[in-house]
């Protein structure tokens, strides 16, 4: 069964950077579209970014476009979220998600597997 473990969260000042990592195990990583979601306190979970099986196609939410980059290393079974120019409104628990998909494009949902989340706090 697929297991996802996020890491890399923490407390940073506005304008700073963090790199989140998600380790995938249990199945063949290259069969899965990967994505990042986030949930801020008191708010609903929202999509942040997604990446195709081969890593050649990505989706980014408008709120993070130009600041965040999603990537994957299929040799390491790992997906990353590089977060730059962080803002206080980026404060949230960030979740890694996976979806088995036969195609070569990104998929927005529904996602089948979820990690436990990693907390990101951005202070002014």
C-alpha atoms as a PDB file:
ATOM      1  CA  UNK A   1       0.000   0.000   0.000  1.00  0.00           C
ATOM      2  CA  UNK A   2       1.185   3.537  -0.744  1.00  0.00           C
ATOM      3  CA  UNK A   3       2.719   5.483   2.112  1.00  0.00           C
ATOM      4  CA  UNK A   4       3.643   9.174   1.979  1.00  0.00           C
ATOM      5  CA  UNK A   5       5.822  10.970   4.518  1.00  0.00           C
ATOM      6  CA  UNK A   6       6.318  14.739   4.349  1.00  0.00           C
ATOM      7  CA  UNK A   7       9.219  16.642   5.866  1.00  0.00           C
ATOM      8  CA  UNK A   8      10.880  20.053   5.703  1.00  0.00           C
ATOM      9  CA  UNK A   9       8.310  22.309   7.326  1.00  0.00           C
ATOM     10  CA  UNK A  10       9.182  24.903   9.921  1.00  0.00           C
ATOM     11  CA  UNK A  11       9.024  28.520  11.030  1.00  0.00           C
ATOM     12  CA  UNK A  12      10.364  31.189   8.668  1.00  0.00           C
ATOM     13  CA  UNK A  13      10.220  34.950   8.256  1.00  0.00           C
ATOM     14  CA  UNK A  14       8.221  36.496   5.433  1.00  0.00           C
ATOM     15  CA  UNK A  15      10.329  36.528   2.293  1.00  0.00           C
ATOM     16  CA  UNK A  16      12.171  33.375   3.290  1.00  0.00           C
ATOM     17  CA  UNK A  17      12.279  29.944   1.689  1.00  0.00           C
ATOM     18  CA  UNK A  18      11.611  26.308   2.540  1.00  0.00           C
ATOM     19  CA  UNK A  19      11.835  23.054   0.627  1.00  0.00           C
ATOM     20  CA  UNK A  20       9.282  20.394   1.469  1.00  0.00           C
ATOM     21  CA  UNK A  21       9.942  16.746   0.653  1.00  0.00           C
ATOM     22  CA  UNK A  22       7.576  13.794   0.333  1.00  0.00           C
ATOM     23  CA  UNK A  23       8.909  10.248   0.412  1.00  0.00           C
ATOM     24  CA  UNK A  24       6.796   7.688  -1.492  1.00  0.00           C
ATOM     25  CA  UNK A  25       6.847   3.962  -0.793  1.00  0.00           C
ATOM     26  CA  UNK A  26       4.789   0.807  -1.287  1.00  0.00           C
ATOM     27  CA  UNK A  27       4.081   0.966  -5.035  1.00  0.00           C
ATOM     28  CA  UNK A  28       5.708   1.989  -8.295  1.00  0.00           C
ATOM     29  CA  UNK A  29       6.273   5.734  -7.957  1.00  0.00           C
ATOM     30  CA  UNK A  30       6.212   6.447 -11.693  1.00  0.00           C
ATOM     31  CA  UNK A  31       2.595   5.222 -11.947  1.00  0.00           C
ATOM     32  CA  UNK A  32       1.402   8.131  -9.790  1.00  0.00           C
ATOM     33  CA  UNK A  33       0.620  11.769 -10.337  1.00  0.00           C
ATOM     34  CA  UNK A  34       1.787  13.665  -7.260  1.00  0.00           C
ATOM     35  CA  UNK A  35       0.427  16.822  -5.686  1.00  0.00           C
ATOM     36  CA  UNK A  36       0.703  19.204  -2.765  1.00  0.00           C
ATOM     37  CA  UNK A  37      -2.271  20.567  -0.847  1.00  0.00           C
ATOM     38  CA  UNK A  38      -2.435  22.877   2.150  1.00  0.00           C
ATOM     39  CA  UNK A  39      -4.866  23.706   4.912  1.00  0.00           C
ATOM     40  CA  UNK A  40      -4.645  26.912   6.910  1.00  0.00           C
ATOM     41  CA  UNK A  41      -6.166  27.186  10.395  1.00  0.00           C
ATOM     42  CA  UNK A  42      -9.926  27.574  10.112  1.00  0.00           C
ATOM     43  CA  UNK A  43      -9.920  27.155   6.331  1.00  0.00           C
ATOM     44  CA  UNK A  44     -10.643  24.363   3.851  1.00  0.00           C
ATOM     45  CA  UNK A  45      -7.931  22.280   2.230  1.00  0.00           C
ATOM     46  CA  UNK A  46      -6.807  23.706  -1.114  1.00  0.00           C
ATOM     47  CA  UNK A  47      -4.722  22.527  -4.030  1.00  0.00           C
ATOM     48  CA  UNK A  48      -1.233  24.042  -4.311  1.00  0.00           C
ATOM     49  CA  UNK A  49       0.551  22.198  -7.115  1.00  0.00           C
ATOM     50  CA  UNK A  50       0.630  18.926  -9.033  1.00  0.00           C
ATOM     51  CA  UNK A  51       3.130  17.148 -11.264  1.00  0.00           C
ATOM     52  CA  UNK A  52       2.754  14.479 -13.931  1.00  0.00           C
ATOM     53  CA  UNK A  53       4.260  11.005 -13.739  1.00  0.00           C
ATOM     54  CA  UNK A  54       7.257  11.931 -15.846  1.00  0.00           C
ATOM     55  CA  UNK A  55       7.666  15.373 -14.300  1.00  0.00           C
ATOM     56  CA  UNK A  56       7.298  17.230 -17.597  1.00  0.00           C
ATOM     57  CA  UNK A  57       3.914  18.819 -16.834  1.00  0.00           C
ATOM     58  CA  UNK A  58       2.907  20.789 -13.739  1.00  0.00           C
ATOM     59  CA  UNK A  59      -0.008  22.682 -12.282  1.00  0.00           C
ATOM     60  CA  UNK A  60       0.287  25.577  -9.827  1.00  0.00           C
ATOM     61  CA  UNK A  61      -2.397  27.502  -8.033  1.00  0.00           C
ATOM     62  CA  UNK A  62      -2.547  31.181  -8.948  1.00  0.00           C
ATOM     63  CA  UNK A  63      -1.708  32.183  -5.381  1.00  0.00           C
ATOM     64  CA  UNK A  64       1.706  30.479  -5.539  1.00  0.00           C
ATOM     65  CA  UNK A  65       2.601  30.871  -9.219  1.00  0.00           C
ATOM     66  CA  UNK A  66       6.027  32.408  -9.599  1.00  0.00           C
ATOM     67  CA  UNK A  67       6.974  31.607  -5.998  1.00  0.00           C
ATOM     68  CA  UNK A  68       6.611  27.819  -5.596  1.00  0.00           C
ATOM     69  CA  UNK A  69       8.073  25.048  -7.741  1.00  0.00           C
ATOM     70  CA  UNK A  70       6.997  21.406  -7.701  1.00  0.00           C
ATOM     71  CA  UNK A  71       9.422  18.735  -8.886  1.00  0.00           C
ATOM     72  CA  UNK A  72      10.009  15.007  -8.574  1.00  0.00           C
ATOM     73  CA  UNK A  73      12.981  12.683  -8.578  1.00  0.00           C
ATOM     74  CA  UNK A  74      11.763   9.321  -9.848  1.00  0.00           C
ATOM     75  CA  UNK A  75      15.066   7.667  -8.960  1.00  0.00           C
ATOM     76  CA  UNK A  76      14.546   8.638  -5.302  1.00  0.00           C
ATOM     77  CA  UNK A  77      10.747   8.162  -5.132  1.00  0.00           C
ATOM     78  CA  UNK A  78      10.460  11.713  -3.844  1.00  0.00           C
ATOM     79  CA  UNK A  79       8.422  14.800  -4.717  1.00  0.00           C
ATOM     80  CA  UNK A  80       9.469  18.296  -3.643  1.00  0.00           C
ATOM     81  CA  UNK A  81       7.865  21.685  -3.153  1.00  0.00           C
ATOM     82  CA  UNK A  82      10.328  24.578  -3.293  1.00  0.00           C
ATOM     83  CA  UNK A  83       8.734  27.553  -1.561  1.00  0.00           C
ATOM     84  CA  UNK A  84      10.249  31.005  -2.100  1.00  0.00           C
ATOM     85  CA  UNK A  85       9.184  34.544  -1.186  1.00  0.00           C
ATOM     86  CA  UNK A  86       6.958  33.153   1.531  1.00  0.00           C
ATOM     87  CA  UNK A  87       4.075  35.243   2.829  1.00  0.00           C
ATOM     88  CA  UNK A  88       2.164  35.036   6.125  1.00  0.00           C
ATOM     89  CA  UNK A  89      -0.855  33.794   4.169  1.00  0.00           C
ATOM     90  CA  UNK A  90       1.172  30.712   3.175  1.00  0.00           C
ATOM     91  CA  UNK A  91       0.972  29.526   6.784  1.00  0.00           C
ATOM     92  CA  UNK A  92      -0.687  26.103   6.723  1.00  0.00           C
ATOM     93  CA  UNK A  93      -0.214  22.383   7.126  1.00  0.00           C
ATOM     94  CA  UNK A  94       1.072  21.091   3.789  1.00  0.00           C
ATOM     95  CA  UNK A  95       0.035  17.634   2.594  1.00  0.00           C
ATOM     96  CA  UNK A  96       1.516  15.385  -0.065  1.00  0.00           C
ATOM     97  CA  UNK A  97      -0.942  13.349  -2.147  1.00  0.00           C
ATOM     98  CA  UNK A  98      -0.730  10.620  -4.802  1.00  0.00           C
ATOM     99  CA  UNK A  99      -3.074   9.359  -7.510  1.00  0.00           C
ATOM    100  CA  UNK A 100      -2.572   6.395  -9.831  1.00  0.00           C
ATOM    101  CA  UNK A 101      -3.091   7.605 -13.396  1.00  0.00           C
ATOM    102  CA  UNK A 102      -2.350   6.019 -16.797  1.00  0.00           C
ATOM    103  CA  UNK A 103      -1.754   9.261 -18.688  1.00  0.00           C
ATOM    104  CA  UNK A 104       1.094  11.719 -19.030  1.00  0.00           C
ATOM    105  CA  UNK A 105      -0.635  14.881 -17.796  1.00  0.00           C
ATOM    106  CA  UNK A 106      -1.446  16.301 -14.367  1.00  0.00           C
ATOM    107  CA  UNK A 107      -4.611  15.409 -12.455  1.00  0.00           C
ATOM    108  CA  UNK A 108      -6.340  17.733  -9.989  1.00  0.00           C
ATOM    109  CA  UNK A 109      -8.295  15.008  -8.224  1.00  0.00           C
ATOM    110  CA  UNK A 110      -9.566  12.967  -6.554  1.00  0.00           C
ATOM    111  CA  UNK A 111      -6.368  11.836  -4.856  1.00  0.00           C
ATOM    112  CA  UNK A 112      -6.202   8.410  -3.260  1.00  0.00           C
ATOM    113  CA  UNK A 113      -3.319   8.598  -0.815  1.00  0.00           C
ATOM    114  CA  UNK A 114      -2.278  11.284   1.637  1.00  0.00           C
ATOM    115  CA  UNK A 115       0.614  11.994   3.941  1.00  0.00           C
ATOM    116  CA  UNK A 116       0.393  13.145   7.539  1.00  0.00           C
ATOM    117  CA  UNK A 117       1.246  16.759   6.734  1.00  0.00           C
ATOM    118  CA  UNK A 118       4.080  19.099   7.656  1.00  0.00           C
ATOM    119  CA  UNK A 119       3.538  22.479   9.273  1.00  0.00           C
ATOM    120  CA  UNK A 120       4.717  25.737   7.699  1.00  0.00           C
ATOM    121  CA  UNK A 121       4.504  28.978   9.685  1.00  0.00           C
ATOM    122  CA  UNK A 122       5.467  32.289   8.089  1.00  0.00           C
ATOM    123  CA  UNK A 123       5.867  35.285  10.385  1.00  0.00           C
ATOM    124  CA  UNK A 124       6.091  38.980   9.532  1.00  0.00           C
END
